[in-house]
Amino acid sequence: MHRAVGRIGELGGSEISHVAGRPPRHVLLAQPPEHPFPAAHPLAGYAWLAVGFALYPLARRRAWQAWAAAFAFGTLFGAVQIARGAHFLSHVLWSAWIVWGVNLALLGCLAALSGARVQATARTPRRGARDQLPSRVS
């Protein structure tokens, strides 16, 4: 059998030679196909971070809720893929960082193009805070 594997490897079957215990000659730093990078399933969950970035200038509290939900979805999807053995923890964490960085860069680019500063709107007074506001009575 070793002879057959060696013969197929000579004919260009690098996948077979990889199974035989030798790395492929042409791609030494390639990721094994069963562990792709970055992790796509968690990336789909983390992609919802964009909703938080869209909401941030309008409603800071809703943005934090959207970010929490997106991190929960991405982490859940990542945990399932790690449990299946399809990804490593580092792949899931890098997926989160990639999505966060891309969204932050896009937000900065959009703010630069529009000439506006990205900041949350002023907070509205909470219930009971009206009692502490100055009176309009002259």
Protein backbone atom coordinates (compact mmCIF):
# COMPACT_ATOMS: atom_id res chain seq x y z
CA MET A 1 0.00 0.00 0.00
CA HIS A 2 2.85 2.42 0.76
CA ARG A 3 4.09 1.88 -2.76
CA ALA A 4 0.68 2.79 -4.20
CA VAL A 5 0.46 5.95 -2.10
CA GLY A 6 3.98 6.94 -3.18
CA ARG A 7 3.09 6.30 -6.82
CA ILE A 8 -0.05 8.48 -6.63
CA GLY A 9 1.97 11.19 -4.89
CA GLU A 10 4.45 11.14 -7.76
CA LEU A 11 1.63 11.63 -10.22
CA GLY A 12 0.51 14.82 -8.48
CA GLY A 13 -1.89 13.52 -5.81
CA SER A 14 -0.73 15.78 -2.99
CA GLU A 15 -3.92 15.09 -1.01
CA ILE A 16 -3.07 11.40 -0.87
CA SER A 17 0.49 12.10 0.20
CA HIS A 18 -0.86 14.36 2.96
CA VAL A 19 -2.93 11.42 4.24
CA ALA A 20 0.19 9.26 4.13
CA GLY A 21 1.80 11.55 6.72
CA ARG A 22 3.74 14.00 4.59
CA PRO A 23 2.60 17.59 4.09
CA PRO A 24 1.88 18.64 0.53
CA ARG A 25 5.01 19.90 -1.19
CA HIS A 26 3.44 22.93 -2.84
CA VAL A 27 1.54 24.40 0.16
CA LEU A 28 3.38 24.00 3.44
CA LEU A 29 1.40 26.64 5.38
CA ALA A 30 -2.06 25.65 4.15
CA GLN A 31 -4.89 25.20 6.62
CA PRO A 32 -6.40 21.74 6.70
CA PRO A 33 -9.78 21.89 4.93
CA GLU A 34 -11.59 20.65 8.06
CA HIS A 35 -10.51 23.75 10.07
CA PRO A 36 -11.04 26.81 7.83
CA PHE A 37 -10.04 30.28 9.00
CA PRO A 38 -11.87 32.51 9.83
CA ALA A 39 -14.86 30.63 11.19
CA ALA A 40 -17.84 31.39 8.95
CA HIS A 41 -20.67 30.26 11.25
CA PRO A 42 -19.64 32.50 14.17
CA LEU A 43 -18.88 35.25 11.67
CA ALA A 44 -22.54 35.13 10.60
CA GLY A 45 -23.59 35.68 14.20
CA TYR A 46 -21.05 38.43 14.77
CA ALA A 47 -22.16 40.15 11.55
CA TRP A 48 -25.15 41.44 13.52
CA LEU A 49 -22.69 43.78 15.26
CA ALA A 50 -23.38 46.08 12.31
CA VAL A 51 -26.84 46.75 13.74
CA GLY A 52 -25.26 48.08 16.93
CA PHE A 53 -22.92 50.31 14.96
CA ALA A 54 -25.87 51.65 12.96
CA LEU A 55 -27.84 52.35 16.14
CA TYR A 56 -25.01 53.88 18.16
CA PRO A 57 -25.37 57.50 17.00
CA LEU A 58 -29.15 57.34 17.48
CA ALA A 59 -29.76 55.21 20.55
CA ARG A 60 -26.84 54.18 22.70
CA ARG A 61 -28.79 51.73 24.88
CA ARG A 62 -30.26 49.93 21.85
CA ALA A 63 -26.79 49.73 20.33
CA TRP A 64 -25.44 48.00 23.45
CA GLN A 65 -28.39 45.59 23.36
CA ALA A 66 -27.71 44.83 19.69
CA TRP A 67 -24.01 44.27 20.43
CA ALA A 68 -24.86 41.93 23.31
CA ALA A 69 -27.25 39.93 21.11
CA ALA A 70 -24.69 39.74 18.28
CA PHE A 71 -21.95 38.55 20.62
CA ALA A 72 -24.36 35.99 22.08
CA PHE A 73 -25.27 34.67 18.61
CA GLY A 74 -21.66 34.55 17.43
CA THR A 75 -20.48 32.90 20.63
CA LEU A 76 -23.28 30.33 20.47
CA PHE A 77 -22.52 29.52 16.84
CA GLY A 78 -18.82 29.32 17.67
CA ALA A 79 -19.38 27.05 20.67
CA VAL A 80 -21.37 24.65 18.50
CA GLN A 81 -18.62 24.59 15.87
CA ILE A 82 -15.93 24.06 18.52
CA ALA A 83 -17.98 21.21 20.03
CA ARG A 84 -18.24 19.63 16.57
CA GLY A 85 -14.49 19.95 16.14
CA ALA A 86 -14.93 22.11 13.05
CA HIS A 87 -13.09 25.16 14.46
CA PHE A 88 -10.67 26.19 17.14
CA LEU A 89 -11.39 28.83 19.77
CA SER A 90 -8.83 31.11 18.15
CA HIS A 91 -10.77 30.99 14.86
CA VAL A 92 -13.96 32.07 16.64
CA LEU A 93 -12.21 34.90 18.49
CA TRP A 94 -10.49 36.13 15.33
CA SER A 95 -13.85 36.11 13.55
CA ALA A 96 -15.24 38.43 16.23
CA TRP A 97 -12.23 40.76 15.96
CA ILE A 98 -12.41 40.83 12.17
CA VAL A 99 -16.11 41.75 12.15
CA TRP A 100 -15.64 44.34 14.92
CA GLY A 101 -12.71 45.93 13.11
CA VAL A 102 -14.43 46.03 9.73
CA ASN A 103 -17.55 47.62 11.25
CA LEU A 104 -15.47 50.16 13.16
CA ALA A 105 -13.51 51.05 10.02
CA LEU A 106 -16.70 51.43 7.99
CA LEU A 107 -18.24 53.64 10.66
CA GLY A 108 -15.13 55.82 10.66
CA CYS A 109 -15.13 56.05 6.86
CA LEU A 110 -18.80 56.99 6.74
CA ALA A 111 -18.28 59.61 9.44
CA ALA A 112 -15.29 61.05 7.59
CA LEU A 113 -17.21 61.21 4.31
CA SER A 114 -20.19 62.91 5.89
CA GLY A 115 -18.05 65.26 7.98
CA ALA A 116 -19.95 64.37 11.15
CA ARG A 117 -18.63 63.20 14.48
CA VAL A 118 -19.88 59.84 15.65
CA GLN A 119 -21.25 60.27 19.12
CA ALA A 120 -24.32 59.25 20.99
CA THR A 121 -27.19 61.70 21.28
CA ALA A 122 -27.83 63.41 24.60
CA ARG A 123 -29.58 61.23 27.12
CA THR A 124 -33.18 61.95 27.86
CA PRO A 125 -34.12 62.53 31.50
CA ARG A 126 -35.31 59.46 33.37
CA ARG A 127 -38.61 59.22 35.14
CA GLY A 128 -38.70 61.42 38.18
CA ALA A 129 -35.93 63.62 36.81
CA ARG A 130 -38.48 66.24 35.75
CA ASP A 131 -38.97 67.06 39.39
CA GLN A 132 -35.33 68.16 39.56
CA LEU A 133 -35.50 70.41 36.48
CA PRO A 134 -35.79 74.16 37.10
CA SER A 135 -39.27 75.54 37.04
CA ARG A 136 -40.45 77.80 34.20
CA VAL A 137 -42.58 79.87 36.48
CA SER A 138 -41.44 83.50 36.51
